[in-house]
C-alpha cells in the first residue's frame, strides 16, 4: 500500500535526490512495480522495482509462482535470499498495509502517526530482464494483527533506516535484531481496504 506524495516520502526517508517519479496510489499487488528506497554510497533515492522474485527453478507459470515474501527467521539461510540480504537491502515506502482473515475479510493496518513508514525488503537485479525486483520480509504478528493473520511485514523504525540501507556493511546480529513485530500500541486497524480520499 503506497499513497503518500513525493514530498512526504522525501522527508521521511531523507532522500538525497528528489526526482519526479510516478508513484503508485492505492493497493500495489505482486507483479506490479513499486517505488523503493535504496542507498548507494551517500545517496538515498527512489527507484522502481517489481514486487516478486522469479524462482530459479522450472515452473509452468510465472505470475502465480512469484516469491513475494521472505521469512525473517530463515532469511540468512535460504540460498534464494541470502546474498540479497547481505548486499541488497531496501525499504518499501507505505502508509499502511492490509491482511486477509481466514474468512476472507480484509483489514487495513496503519501507524497512529499517519506518516509513511518503511517495510523491510531485499532486492535482486536481473541482467537478462534489465530490471530489479524485491520481496518483503515478514515476521511474527503483533497482538493487533495476530487475530487476523499469522504474519506481518517487518517495519523498520526511522532511527534504524540508515542501518538497514547500508549495504556496504553487513552486521548480521544488528540487522536481525530489527526483525521484531512493530508495537501494536503504535498501530491502528479498520475493516476493509484503504479508500483514497
Protein backbone atom coordinates (compact mmCIF):
# COMPACT_ATOMS: atom_id res chain seq x y z
CA UNK A 1 0.00 0.00 0.00
CA UNK A 2 1.51 3.32 -1.08
CA UNK A 3 -0.40 6.57 -1.16
CA UNK A 4 1.95 9.32 0.07
CA UNK A 5 3.14 12.13 -2.15
CA UNK A 6 6.79 12.61 -3.08
CA UNK A 7 7.44 15.34 -0.50
CA UNK A 8 6.22 13.12 2.34
CA UNK A 9 8.47 10.31 1.14
CA UNK A 10 11.46 12.65 0.72
CA UNK A 11 11.04 13.98 4.27
CA UNK A 12 10.51 10.59 5.90
CA UNK A 13 13.39 8.80 4.18
CA UNK A 14 15.84 11.69 3.83
CA UNK A 15 16.08 11.34 0.07
CA UNK A 16 19.23 12.83 -1.42
CA UNK A 17 17.71 13.05 -4.86
CA UNK A 18 14.14 14.22 -5.35
CA UNK A 19 13.49 13.25 -8.93
CA UNK A 20 9.87 13.25 -10.09
CA UNK A 21 8.81 9.62 -10.43
CA UNK A 22 5.38 8.08 -10.99
CA UNK A 23 4.19 6.92 -7.57
CA UNK A 24 1.59 4.16 -7.31
CA UNK A 25 -1.55 5.05 -5.38
CA UNK A 26 -3.79 2.53 -3.70
CA UNK A 27 -3.08 -1.17 -3.46
CA UNK A 28 0.12 -2.48 -5.01
CA UNK A 29 -0.11 -6.12 -5.99
CA UNK A 30 2.57 -8.77 -6.63
CA UNK A 31 3.97 -8.48 -10.13
CA UNK A 32 3.42 -4.71 -10.22
CA UNK A 33 6.07 -2.01 -9.98
CA UNK A 34 6.57 -0.09 -6.77
CA UNK A 35 8.90 2.73 -5.74
CA UNK A 36 11.65 1.50 -3.43
CA UNK A 37 14.18 3.38 -1.30
CA UNK A 38 17.81 2.35 -1.81
CA UNK A 39 21.13 3.75 -0.63
CA UNK A 40 24.13 3.94 -2.95
CA UNK A 41 27.17 5.47 -1.32
CA UNK A 42 25.93 8.69 0.26
CA UNK A 43 22.89 8.92 -1.99
CA UNK A 44 19.41 7.80 -0.92
CA UNK A 45 16.91 7.67 -3.75
CA UNK A 46 13.76 6.09 -5.12
CA UNK A 47 13.84 3.59 -7.93
CA UNK A 48 11.04 1.47 -9.43
CA UNK A 49 11.14 -2.28 -8.83
CA UNK A 50 8.84 -5.21 -9.49
CA UNK A 51 7.28 -6.91 -6.48
CA UNK A 52 8.32 -10.55 -6.59
CA UNK A 53 11.36 -12.71 -7.31
CA UNK A 54 11.04 -15.18 -10.13
CA UNK A 55 12.10 -18.62 -8.84
CA UNK A 56 15.26 -20.04 -10.36
CA UNK A 57 13.73 -23.47 -10.82
CA UNK A 58 11.48 -24.58 -13.71
CA UNK A 59 7.81 -23.63 -13.32
CA UNK A 60 4.83 -23.70 -15.62
CA UNK A 61 3.68 -20.15 -14.93
CA UNK A 62 5.45 -17.11 -13.56
CA UNK A 63 2.87 -14.71 -12.15
CA UNK A 64 1.19 -17.28 -9.89
CA UNK A 65 4.52 -18.51 -8.51
CA UNK A 66 6.30 -15.25 -7.76
CA UNK A 67 8.14 -15.23 -4.45
CA UNK A 68 6.72 -12.12 -2.81
CA UNK A 69 7.75 -12.55 0.84
CA UNK A 70 10.77 -13.85 2.73
CA UNK A 71 10.53 -15.15 6.29
CA UNK A 72 12.80 -13.24 8.68
CA UNK A 73 13.60 -16.43 10.59
CA UNK A 74 15.28 -18.11 7.59
CA UNK A 75 16.39 -15.10 5.55
CA UNK A 76 20.11 -15.56 6.18
CA UNK A 77 19.99 -19.28 5.37
CA UNK A 78 17.87 -19.62 2.23
CA UNK A 79 20.04 -19.59 -0.93
CA UNK A 80 17.32 -17.64 -2.76
CA UNK A 81 17.56 -14.70 -0.34
CA UNK A 82 20.93 -14.97 1.42
CA UNK A 83 23.04 -12.84 -0.93
CA UNK A 84 20.36 -10.17 -1.32
CA UNK A 85 20.08 -9.90 2.45
CA UNK A 86 23.82 -9.37 2.70
CA UNK A 87 24.20 -6.89 -0.17
CA UNK A 88 20.88 -5.55 -1.44
CA UNK A 89 18.56 -4.27 1.28
CA UNK A 90 15.90 -1.65 0.56
CA UNK A 91 12.75 -0.11 2.02
CA UNK A 92 9.25 -0.04 0.59
CA UNK A 93 7.53 3.26 1.47
CA UNK A 94 3.96 2.68 2.62
CA UNK A 95 1.17 4.39 4.51
CA UNK A 96 -0.39 1.09 5.56
CA UNK A 97 -0.93 -2.49 4.51
CA UNK A 98 -3.78 -4.94 4.54
CA UNK A 99 -4.21 -8.55 5.51
CA UNK A 100 -6.96 -11.05 4.82
CA UNK A 101 -8.53 -13.11 7.56
CA UNK A 102 -9.30 -16.81 7.19
CA UNK A 103 -12.92 -15.94 6.41
CA UNK A 104 -11.77 -13.70 3.51
CA UNK A 105 -12.35 -10.37 5.23
CA UNK A 106 -9.92 -7.54 4.54
CA UNK A 107 -8.35 -5.42 7.29
CA UNK A 108 -6.23 -2.32 6.87
CA UNK A 109 -3.34 -1.64 9.29
CA UNK A 110 -1.61 1.72 9.58
CA UNK A 111 0.51 3.73 12.06
CA UNK A 112 -1.18 6.03 14.53
CA UNK A 113 1.17 8.80 13.38
CA UNK A 114 -0.39 8.65 9.88
CA UNK A 115 3.11 9.11 8.50
CA UNK A 116 4.64 6.87 5.84
CA UNK A 117 6.93 4.11 7.07
CA UNK A 118 9.40 1.65 5.56
CA UNK A 119 8.79 -2.05 5.05
CA UNK A 120 11.99 -4.11 5.14
CA UNK A 121 12.77 -5.66 1.78
CA UNK A 122 15.62 -7.13 -0.24
CA UNK A 123 16.11 -6.95 -3.99
CA UNK A 124 17.90 -8.59 -6.86
CA UNK A 125 18.77 -7.41 -10.35
CA UNK A 126 18.13 -9.45 -13.47
CA UNK A 127 20.63 -8.64 -16.20
CA UNK A 128 18.53 -10.61 -18.67
CA UNK A 129 15.36 -8.63 -17.93
CA UNK A 130 17.28 -5.42 -17.13
CA UNK A 131 15.14 -4.73 -14.08
CA UNK A 132 15.19 -5.08 -10.32
CA UNK A 133 12.66 -6.90 -8.17
CA UNK A 134 12.06 -7.14 -4.44
CA UNK A 135 10.47 -9.29 -1.75
CA UNK A 136 9.10 -8.06 1.57
CA UNK A 137 10.41 -9.56 4.79
CA UNK A 138 7.81 -10.89 7.22
CA UNK A 139 7.89 -11.78 10.89
CA UNK A 140 5.51 -12.95 13.61
CA UNK A 141 2.46 -10.72 14.05
CA UNK A 142 1.92 -8.29 16.90
CA UNK A 143 -1.16 -8.65 19.12
CA UNK A 144 -3.24 -6.35 16.92
CA UNK A 145 -2.64 -8.40 13.77
CA UNK A 146 -2.46 -11.88 15.33
CA UNK A 147 -6.24 -12.48 15.36
CA UNK A 148 -6.33 -11.68 11.62
CA UNK A 149 -3.12 -13.16 10.23
CA UNK A 150 -0.15 -15.23 11.38
CA UNK A 151 2.48 -12.98 9.75
CA UNK A 152 3.16 -9.27 9.31
CA UNK A 153 5.73 -7.26 7.35
CA UNK A 154 8.85 -6.10 9.16
CA UNK A 155 8.64 -2.34 9.71
CA UNK A 156 11.98 -0.54 10.10
CA UNK A 157 11.78 2.39 12.58
CA UNK A 158 13.00 5.73 11.26
CA UNK A 159 16.08 5.75 13.51
CA UNK A 160 17.17 2.34 12.14
CA UNK A 161 16.65 3.03 8.44
CA UNK A 162 20.28 4.01 7.81
CA UNK A 163 21.44 0.73 9.36
CA UNK A 164 19.13 -1.29 7.14
CA UNK A 165 20.00 0.61 3.96
CA UNK A 166 23.77 0.50 4.45
CA UNK A 167 24.68 -2.27 2.02
CA UNK A 168 28.40 -1.51 2.34
CA UNK A 169 28.32 -3.17 5.75
CA UNK A 170 26.71 -6.43 6.85
CA UNK A 171 26.21 -6.74 10.59
CA UNK A 172 24.04 -9.84 10.85
CA UNK A 173 23.17 -9.59 14.53
CA UNK A 174 22.32 -5.89 14.29
CA UNK A 175 20.15 -6.44 11.23
CA UNK A 176 18.31 -9.49 12.54
CA UNK A 177 17.56 -7.61 15.75
CA UNK A 178 15.23 -5.47 13.63
CA UNK A 179 13.04 -8.49 12.79
CA UNK A 180 10.57 -7.93 15.61
CA UNK A 181 6.85 -7.18 15.36
CA UNK A 182 6.12 -3.45 15.19
CA UNK A 183 4.46 -2.42 18.50
CA UNK A 184 0.68 -2.80 18.34
CA UNK A 185 0.28 0.28 20.55
CA UNK A 186 1.65 2.38 17.68
CA UNK A 187 -0.78 0.96 15.10
CA UNK A 188 -4.46 1.08 14.27
CA UNK A 189 -6.70 -1.07 12.10
CA UNK A 190 -10.06 -0.96 10.39
CA UNK A 191 -12.09 -3.40 8.34
CA UNK A 192 -11.83 -3.04 4.59
CA UNK A 193 -9.04 -1.74 2.41
CA UNK A 194 -7.78 1.81 2.17
CA UNK A 195 -10.06 4.22 0.34
CA UNK A 196 -8.44 7.12 -1.44
CA UNK A 197 -9.78 10.46 -0.31
